Amino acid sequence: MNLKSIQTEVDASYLYLKLAENEPDTAIAKVFAEMSEIEKGHAIAFLKAQAISPDKMPLPSRRARTLNSIGRIFGYDYVLGVLMDTEKSISNAVLAAKKQNKLPISGTETNHVKILRNILDNDSKVGSKAITKFESRHRSVGGNALRAAVLGGNDGLVSNFSLVMGVAGASDGQSGVLVAGLAGLLAGALSMALGEWISVKSSQELFENQMQIELEELETNPAGEMQELSLIYQTKGIDKAQADKMAEEIMQDTTKAHQILIEEELGINPEELKGSAIEAALYSFVLFAIGAVIPVIPFLFTNGFRAILYSTILSALGLFGIGAAITLFTGKSVWFSGMRQVVFGLIAAAITFGIGKIIGVSMAG
């Protein structure tokens, strides 16, 4: 067990504790607090496996503290989303440690959500309403939104930086670069927004159509749908007699039966259909525009070689910042991720600048 895995456990414990401290629902806060203790226990076990005293447990990393700061500003649902992305690495670390120390594997190591549900199910003070609320939030947390923000800004910066450098190469940074940059910003942002709107809207319409078909099948062929429910439970390890009884009971409530069928049979989460396509489109527009405006800024105040130089420096700083932000999800070195992003972005811009230069020379000739 390496120190990186121990740090992962420490960070998870720290972030779960912060989630608990900022969770208004006492039942869910209790779950987060218990998860914090579980992760802390894992870290202590790993330290002992390395013959390291628990007193020398590392402090939360800069990445974890940054995520906590993001939670304070934008809400801790964002932190929960990112934290859940670490489940796989934590599970692998737990399994490796248990195998190394020849400890029994219980099965919960591979599924963090399963552990959370066990805590909920085994606590009589936590009711089904709290379970539903937690599961809903777990499926719709903001980790993906953070990732989309970083990637959206990256798309805008890289694409418009390359466009600006291409035009600058053809015109030596003189007339037309600012217009091209602003046009690229607007065109790219509108394209991203429209694409996001179509994606969300089409997914919603597809799922809604499937849900309607399932409801019609439930009304026209209840016996067949009851058999499907029974089969679903049988695939979960429940014997046929018990599964048939459960399916029969559920069929007494059409709404409940419909909800279970669309979740289990179709794999559709109704909570995901509540998102606004317009909101998603605006979100994409803004994120792309934020990245795309960076290489254009110098051309608002100057032109020629100076504008090209300033645009390159500003874009490189932006690329490094995006690379550093990506480490929130990957846990890699800030310098490695940041410089990698800078190198790739500068290569793309250099290629378009060179092509623009060739075109500009040929047109001048």
Protein backbone atom coordinates (compact mmCIF):
# COMPACT_ATOMS: atom_id res chain seq x y z
CA MET A 1 0.00 0.00 0.00
CA ASN A 2 1.67 3.23 -1.13
CA LEU A 3 1.46 6.66 0.45
CA LYS A 4 -0.75 7.92 -2.40
CA SER A 5 -3.47 5.42 -1.47
CA ILE A 6 -3.22 6.47 2.17
CA GLN A 7 -3.57 10.11 1.13
CA THR A 8 -6.67 9.19 -0.88
CA GLU A 9 -8.27 7.72 2.24
CA VAL A 10 -7.30 10.75 4.34
CA ASP A 11 -8.77 13.12 1.76
CA ALA A 12 -11.98 11.08 1.53
CA SER A 13 -12.37 11.10 5.31
CA TYR A 14 -11.80 14.87 5.41
CA LEU A 15 -14.30 15.61 2.63
CA TYR A 16 -16.98 13.34 4.09
CA LEU A 17 -16.55 15.13 7.41
CA LYS A 18 -17.02 18.49 5.67
CA LEU A 19 -20.11 17.13 3.95
CA ALA A 20 -21.47 16.07 7.34
CA GLU A 21 -20.77 19.46 8.88
CA ASN A 22 -22.60 21.26 6.08
CA GLU A 23 -25.52 18.85 5.57
CA PRO A 24 -28.84 20.26 6.89
CA ASP A 25 -30.54 16.84 6.92
CA THR A 26 -29.43 15.22 10.19
CA ALA A 27 -29.98 11.66 8.91
CA ILE A 28 -27.79 12.17 5.85
CA ALA A 29 -25.25 14.13 7.90
CA LYS A 30 -24.96 11.07 10.16
CA VAL A 31 -24.26 8.92 7.10
CA PHE A 32 -21.49 11.25 5.96
CA ALA A 33 -19.99 11.33 9.46
CA GLU A 34 -19.93 7.54 9.63
CA MET A 35 -18.37 7.38 6.16
CA SER A 36 -15.68 9.76 7.38
CA GLU A 37 -14.89 7.38 10.22
CA ILE A 38 -14.82 4.42 7.83
CA GLU A 39 -12.32 6.14 5.55
CA LYS A 40 -10.23 7.19 8.55
CA GLY A 41 -10.22 3.57 9.70
CA HIS A 42 -8.99 2.49 6.26
CA ALA A 43 -6.16 5.04 6.43
CA ILE A 44 -5.11 3.81 9.88
CA ALA A 45 -5.15 0.20 8.67
CA PHE A 46 -2.97 1.12 5.69
CA LEU A 47 -0.52 2.98 7.92
CA LYS A 48 -0.22 -0.05 10.21
CA ALA A 49 0.36 -2.26 7.19
CA GLN A 50 3.32 -0.04 6.35
CA ALA A 51 4.54 -0.15 9.98
CA ILE A 52 3.81 3.58 10.26
CA SER A 53 2.38 5.04 13.45
CA PRO A 54 -1.17 6.45 13.11
CA ASP A 55 0.21 9.60 14.73
CA LYS A 56 2.04 10.27 11.48
CA MET A 57 -1.12 10.26 9.38
CA PRO A 58 -0.79 12.89 6.61
CA LEU A 59 -2.94 16.02 6.60
CA PRO A 60 -5.62 16.56 3.91
CA SER A 61 -3.99 17.43 0.60
CA ARG A 62 -4.19 20.77 -1.18
CA ARG A 63 -6.59 19.13 -3.64
CA ALA A 64 -8.98 18.15 -0.84
CA ARG A 65 -8.80 21.61 0.72
CA THR A 66 -9.49 23.19 -2.67
CA LEU A 67 -12.55 20.98 -3.13
CA ASN A 68 -13.76 22.05 0.31
CA SER A 69 -13.35 25.70 -0.73
CA ILE A 70 -15.37 25.00 -3.88
CA GLY A 71 -18.04 23.41 -1.67
CA ARG A 72 -18.24 26.49 0.54
CA ILE A 73 -18.73 28.72 -2.52
CA PHE A 74 -20.85 26.62 -4.87
CA GLY A 75 -22.43 24.07 -2.54
CA TYR A 76 -21.30 20.70 -1.26
CA ASP A 77 -23.22 18.70 -3.86
CA TYR A 78 -20.26 19.53 -6.13
CA VAL A 79 -17.90 18.00 -3.61
CA LEU A 80 -20.00 14.86 -3.28
CA GLY A 81 -19.92 14.40 -7.06
CA VAL A 82 -16.15 14.62 -7.22
CA LEU A 83 -15.73 12.51 -4.10
CA MET A 84 -17.75 9.68 -5.59
CA ASP A 85 -15.29 9.59 -8.48
CA THR A 86 -12.67 8.30 -6.05
CA GLU A 87 -14.69 5.19 -5.18
CA LYS A 88 -12.89 2.96 -7.63
CA SER A 89 -9.40 3.90 -6.43
CA ILE A 90 -10.41 3.58 -2.79
CA SER A 91 -12.04 0.19 -3.41
CA ASN A 92 -8.95 -1.07 -5.21
CA ALA A 93 -6.75 0.14 -2.35
CA VAL A 94 -8.90 -1.63 0.25
CA LEU A 95 -8.90 -4.88 -1.73
CA ALA A 96 -5.13 -4.75 -2.26
CA ALA A 97 -4.49 -4.17 1.45
CA LYS A 98 -6.79 -7.02 2.49
CA LYS A 99 -5.18 -9.40 0.02
CA GLN A 100 -1.71 -8.40 1.20
CA ASN A 101 -2.65 -9.00 4.82
CA LYS A 102 -4.73 -12.11 3.98
CA LEU A 103 -7.90 -10.61 5.41
CA PRO A 104 -11.37 -11.78 4.34
CA ILE A 105 -13.12 -9.82 1.60
CA SER A 106 -16.73 -9.04 2.48
CA GLY A 107 -17.90 -7.59 -0.84
CA THR A 108 -18.60 -4.07 0.35
CA GLU A 109 -15.10 -2.96 -0.64
CA THR A 110 -16.04 -2.69 -4.30
CA ASN A 111 -19.09 -0.50 -3.92
CA HIS A 112 -19.02 2.67 -1.87
CA VAL A 113 -22.68 3.38 -2.51
CA LYS A 114 -23.50 -0.08 -1.18
CA ILE A 115 -21.68 0.76 2.05
CA LEU A 116 -23.68 3.96 2.37
CA ARG A 117 -26.93 2.08 1.85
CA ASN A 118 -25.93 -0.48 4.48
CA ILE A 119 -25.41 2.34 6.96
CA LEU A 120 -28.82 3.76 6.09
CA ASP A 121 -30.61 0.41 6.21
CA ASN A 122 -29.06 -0.58 9.53
CA ASP A 123 -29.99 2.63 11.31
CA SER A 124 -33.59 2.66 12.51
CA LYS A 125 -33.48 6.43 12.85
CA VAL A 126 -33.02 6.85 9.10
CA GLY A 127 -36.27 6.37 7.26
CA SER A 128 -37.09 5.59 3.65
CA LYS A 129 -37.59 9.28 2.92
CA ALA A 130 -33.98 9.99 3.84
CA ILE A 131 -32.79 7.03 1.76
CA THR A 132 -34.72 8.33 -1.26
CA LYS A 133 -33.33 11.81 -0.78
CA PHE A 134 -29.76 10.57 -0.50
CA GLU A 135 -30.01 8.31 -3.53
CA SER A 136 -31.54 11.15 -5.56
CA ARG A 137 -28.75 13.51 -4.62
CA HIS A 138 -26.11 10.85 -5.23
CA ARG A 139 -27.32 10.41 -8.79
CA SER A 140 -27.58 14.12 -9.54
CA VAL A 141 -24.60 15.59 -7.74
CA GLY A 142 -22.46 18.28 -9.26
CA GLY A 143 -19.20 16.48 -9.92
CA ASN A 144 -20.13 16.20 -13.59
CA ALA A 145 -20.99 19.90 -13.62
CA LEU A 146 -17.50 20.72 -12.38
CA ARG A 147 -15.98 18.48 -15.00
CA ALA A 148 -18.17 20.05 -17.68
CA ALA A 149 -17.06 23.51 -16.53
CA VAL A 150 -13.38 22.63 -16.89
CA LEU A 151 -13.79 20.85 -20.22
CA GLY A 152 -16.08 23.56 -21.60
CA GLY A 153 -13.56 26.26 -20.77
CA ASN A 154 -10.78 24.14 -22.27
CA ASP A 155 -12.71 23.67 -25.54
CA GLY A 156 -13.30 27.40 -25.83
CA LEU A 157 -9.70 28.34 -25.05
CA VAL A 158 -7.96 25.80 -27.26
CA SER A 159 -10.25 26.19 -30.28
CA ASN A 160 -10.30 30.01 -30.24
CA PHE A 161 -6.59 30.28 -29.41
CA SER A 162 -5.84 28.13 -32.46
CA LEU A 163 -8.21 30.20 -34.60
CA VAL A 164 -6.72 33.51 -33.44
CA MET A 165 -3.16 32.28 -34.04
CA GLY A 166 -4.10 31.03 -37.51
CA VAL A 167 -5.51 34.41 -38.53
CA ALA A 168 -2.64 36.22 -36.80
CA GLY A 169 -0.15 34.14 -38.78
CA ALA A 170 -1.84 35.10 -42.04
CA SER A 171 -2.08 38.80 -41.19
CA ASP A 172 0.91 39.36 -38.85
CA GLY A 173 -1.50 40.13 -36.04
CA GLN A 174 -3.04 43.11 -37.78
CA SER A 175 -6.57 43.70 -39.03
CA GLY A 176 -9.09 40.93 -38.86
CA VAL A 177 -7.70 39.04 -35.88
CA LEU A 178 -10.03 40.66 -33.35
CA VAL A 179 -13.06 40.16 -35.58
CA ALA A 180 -12.09 36.53 -36.21
CA GLY A 181 -11.56 35.91 -32.50
CA LEU A 182 -14.89 37.39 -31.48
CA ALA A 183 -16.65 35.58 -34.34
CA GLY A 184 -15.01 32.31 -33.28
CA LEU A 185 -16.09 32.92 -29.69
CA LEU A 186 -19.69 33.57 -30.65
CA ALA A 187 -19.93 30.78 -33.23
CA GLY A 188 -18.32 28.21 -30.96
CA ALA A 189 -20.40 29.18 -27.92
CA LEU A 190 -23.63 29.09 -29.92
CA SER A 191 -22.68 25.72 -31.42
CA MET A 192 -21.92 24.29 -27.98
CA ALA A 193 -25.16 25.68 -26.57
CA LEU A 194 -27.26 24.30 -29.42
CA GLY A 195 -25.54 20.93 -29.20
CA GLU A 196 -26.16 20.73 -25.45
CA TRP A 197 -29.81 21.77 -25.89
CA ILE A 198 -30.36 19.10 -28.55
CA SER A 199 -28.59 16.47 -26.45
CA VAL A 200 -30.61 17.12 -23.30
CA LYS A 201 -33.90 17.61 -25.12
CA SER A 202 -33.59 14.52 -27.30
CA SER A 203 -32.62 12.38 -24.29
CA GLN A 204 -35.62 13.64 -22.35
CA GLU A 205 -37.99 13.01 -25.26
CA LEU A 206 -36.58 9.52 -25.81
CA PHE A 207 -36.90 8.58 -22.13
CA GLU A 208 -40.37 10.09 -21.86
CA ASN A 209 -41.49 8.06 -24.87
CA GLN A 210 -40.07 4.87 -23.37
CA MET A 211 -41.75 5.62 -20.05
CA GLN A 212 -45.09 6.18 -21.79
CA ILE A 213 -44.78 2.88 -23.66
CA GLU A 214 -43.99 1.12 -20.38
CA LEU A 215 -47.08 2.68 -18.77
CA GLU A 216 -49.26 1.52 -21.68
CA GLU A 217 -47.86 -2.00 -21.36
CA LEU A 218 -48.58 -1.90 -17.65
CA GLU A 219 -52.20 -0.97 -18.31
CA THR A 220 -52.82 -3.36 -21.23
CA ASN A 221 -50.80 -6.36 -20.05
CA PRO A 222 -50.51 -6.28 -16.24
CA ALA A 223 -49.87 -10.03 -16.03
CA GLY A 224 -46.88 -9.78 -18.32
CA GLU A 225 -45.48 -6.79 -16.44
CA MET A 226 -45.94 -8.59 -13.12
CA GLN A 227 -43.93 -11.48 -14.54
CA GLU A 228 -41.20 -9.02 -15.58
CA LEU A 229 -41.10 -7.62 -12.04
CA SER A 230 -40.76 -11.12 -10.66
CA LEU A 231 -37.90 -11.88 -13.03
CA ILE A 232 -36.13 -8.66 -12.01
CA TYR A 233 -36.23 -9.73 -8.37
CA GLN A 234 -35.15 -13.25 -9.24
CA THR A 235 -32.04 -11.87 -10.98
CA LYS A 236 -31.22 -10.16 -7.67
CA GLY A 237 -31.06 -13.55 -5.95
CA ILE A 238 -34.61 -13.75 -4.56
CA ASP A 239 -36.30 -17.14 -4.93
CA LYS A 240 -39.21 -17.40 -7.38
CA ALA A 241 -41.98 -17.76 -4.80
CA GLN A 242 -40.87 -14.68 -2.88
CA ALA A 243 -40.26 -12.73 -6.11
CA ASP A 244 -43.77 -13.58 -7.36
CA LYS A 245 -45.26 -12.41 -4.06
CA MET A 246 -43.30 -9.15 -4.12
CA ALA A 247 -44.29 -8.48 -7.74
CA GLU A 248 -47.96 -9.15 -6.94
CA GLU A 249 -47.88 -6.71 -4.02
CA ILE A 250 -46.19 -4.00 -6.08
CA MET A 251 -48.73 -4.37 -8.88
CA GLN A 252 -51.41 -3.22 -6.45
CA ASP A 253 -49.97 0.28 -6.90
CA THR A 254 -49.63 1.11 -10.61
CA THR A 255 -47.56 4.23 -9.98
CA LYS A 256 -45.04 2.34 -7.86
CA ALA A 257 -44.90 -0.54 -10.34
CA HIS A 258 -44.30 1.89 -13.20
CA GLN A 259 -41.48 3.60 -11.32
CA ILE A 260 -39.74 0.33 -10.53
CA LEU A 261 -40.07 -0.92 -14.11
CA ILE A 262 -38.62 2.22 -15.69
CA GLU A 263 -35.71 2.20 -13.25
CA GLU A 264 -34.96 -1.54 -13.29
CA GLU A 265 -36.02 -2.56 -16.80
CA LEU A 266 -35.25 0.60 -18.78
CA GLY A 267 -32.47 1.95 -16.55
CA ILE A 268 -34.03 5.42 -16.50
CA ASN A 269 -33.67 7.70 -13.51
CA PRO A 270 -36.70 10.05 -13.48
CA GLU A 271 -34.66 12.64 -11.56
CA GLU A 272 -32.44 13.09 -14.60
CA LEU A 273 -35.43 14.17 -16.70
CA LYS A 274 -36.00 17.24 -14.55
CA GLY A 275 -32.98 19.09 -15.94
CA SER A 276 -33.68 22.13 -18.11
CA ALA A 277 -32.41 21.96 -21.69
CA ILE A 278 -32.29 25.76 -21.85
CA GLU A 279 -30.31 25.95 -18.62
CA ALA A 280 -27.84 23.37 -19.94
CA ALA A 281 -27.49 25.36 -23.18
CA LEU A 282 -26.81 28.62 -21.34
CA TYR A 283 -24.32 26.84 -19.11
CA SER A 284 -22.40 25.52 -22.14
CA PHE A 285 -22.49 28.92 -23.85
CA VAL A 286 -21.01 30.72 -20.85
CA LEU A 287 -18.32 28.10 -20.14
CA PHE A 288 -17.13 28.04 -23.74
CA ALA A 289 -17.17 31.84 -23.97
CA ILE A 290 -15.09 32.22 -20.80
CA GLY A 291 -12.33 30.08 -22.28
CA ALA A 292 -12.63 31.56 -25.78
CA VAL A 293 -12.31 35.18 -24.67
CA ILE A 294 -8.85 34.68 -23.11
CA PRO A 295 -6.77 34.69 -26.36
CA VAL A 296 -8.83 37.58 -27.74
CA ILE A 297 -8.29 40.02 -24.85
CA PRO A 298 -4.85 41.37 -25.97
CA PHE A 299 -6.21 42.22 -29.43
CA LEU A 300 -8.73 44.55 -27.80
CA PHE A 301 -5.88 46.85 -26.73
CA THR A 302 -3.05 46.30 -29.20
CA ASN A 303 -2.10 44.45 -32.38
CA GLY A 304 0.86 43.02 -34.26
CA PHE A 305 3.60 40.97 -32.64
CA ARG A 306 2.89 42.40 -29.18
CA ALA A 307 -0.74 41.23 -29.30
CA ILE A 308 0.35 37.78 -30.51
CA LEU A 309 2.88 37.50 -27.69
CA TYR A 310 0.44 38.65 -25.00
CA SER A 311 -2.26 36.34 -26.36
CA THR A 312 0.14 33.40 -26.23
CA ILE A 313 1.22 34.17 -22.67
CA LEU A 314 -2.35 34.70 -21.46
CA SER A 315 -3.55 31.53 -23.18
CA ALA A 316 -0.65 29.53 -21.74
CA LEU A 317 -1.60 30.71 -18.25
CA GLY A 318 -5.21 29.77 -18.93
CA LEU A 319 -4.19 26.33 -20.21
CA PHE A 320 -2.04 25.76 -17.14
CA GLY A 321 -4.98 26.74 -14.91
CA ILE A 322 -7.26 24.30 -16.72
CA GLY A 323 -4.67 21.55 -16.43
CA ALA A 324 -4.34 22.28 -12.73
CA ALA A 325 -8.13 22.18 -12.33
CA ILE A 326 -8.24 18.76 -13.99
CA THR A 327 -6.19 17.39 -11.07
CA LEU A 328 -9.30 17.83 -8.92
CA PHE A 329 -10.63 14.75 -10.72
CA THR A 330 -7.44 12.85 -11.49
CA GLY A 331 -5.36 13.49 -8.39
CA LYS A 332 -2.24 13.87 -10.56
CA SER A 333 0.52 16.44 -10.02
CA VAL A 334 -0.59 20.03 -10.65
CA TRP A 335 2.64 20.82 -12.49
CA PHE A 336 2.44 17.71 -14.66
CA SER A 337 -1.19 18.24 -15.68
CA GLY A 338 -0.79 21.98 -16.07
CA MET A 339 2.33 21.81 -18.25
CA ARG A 340 0.89 18.97 -20.32
CA GLN A 341 -2.11 21.13 -21.11
CA VAL A 342 0.14 24.07 -22.01
CA VAL A 343 2.30 21.97 -24.33
CA PHE A 344 -0.65 20.48 -26.22
CA GLY A 345 -2.38 23.86 -26.51
CA LEU A 346 0.76 25.61 -27.76
CA ILE A 347 1.40 22.85 -30.31
CA ALA A 348 -2.14 23.24 -31.68
CA ALA A 349 -1.74 27.02 -31.86
CA ALA A 350 1.70 26.75 -33.47
CA ILE A 351 0.35 24.47 -36.20
CA THR A 352 -2.49 26.84 -37.08
CA PHE A 353 -0.12 29.84 -36.89
CA GLY A 354 2.23 28.12 -39.32
CA ILE A 355 -0.58 27.26 -41.71
CA GLY A 356 -1.85 30.83 -41.47
CA LYS A 357 1.64 32.14 -42.20
CA ILE A 358 1.93 29.97 -45.31
CA ILE A 359 -1.48 31.08 -46.54
CA GLY A 360 -0.70 34.72 -45.82
CA VAL A 361 2.59 34.57 -47.77
CA SER A 362 0.98 32.81 -50.72
CA MET A 363 -1.85 35.35 -50.83
CA ALA A 364 0.61 38.24 -50.63
CA GLY A 365 2.62 36.71 -53.47
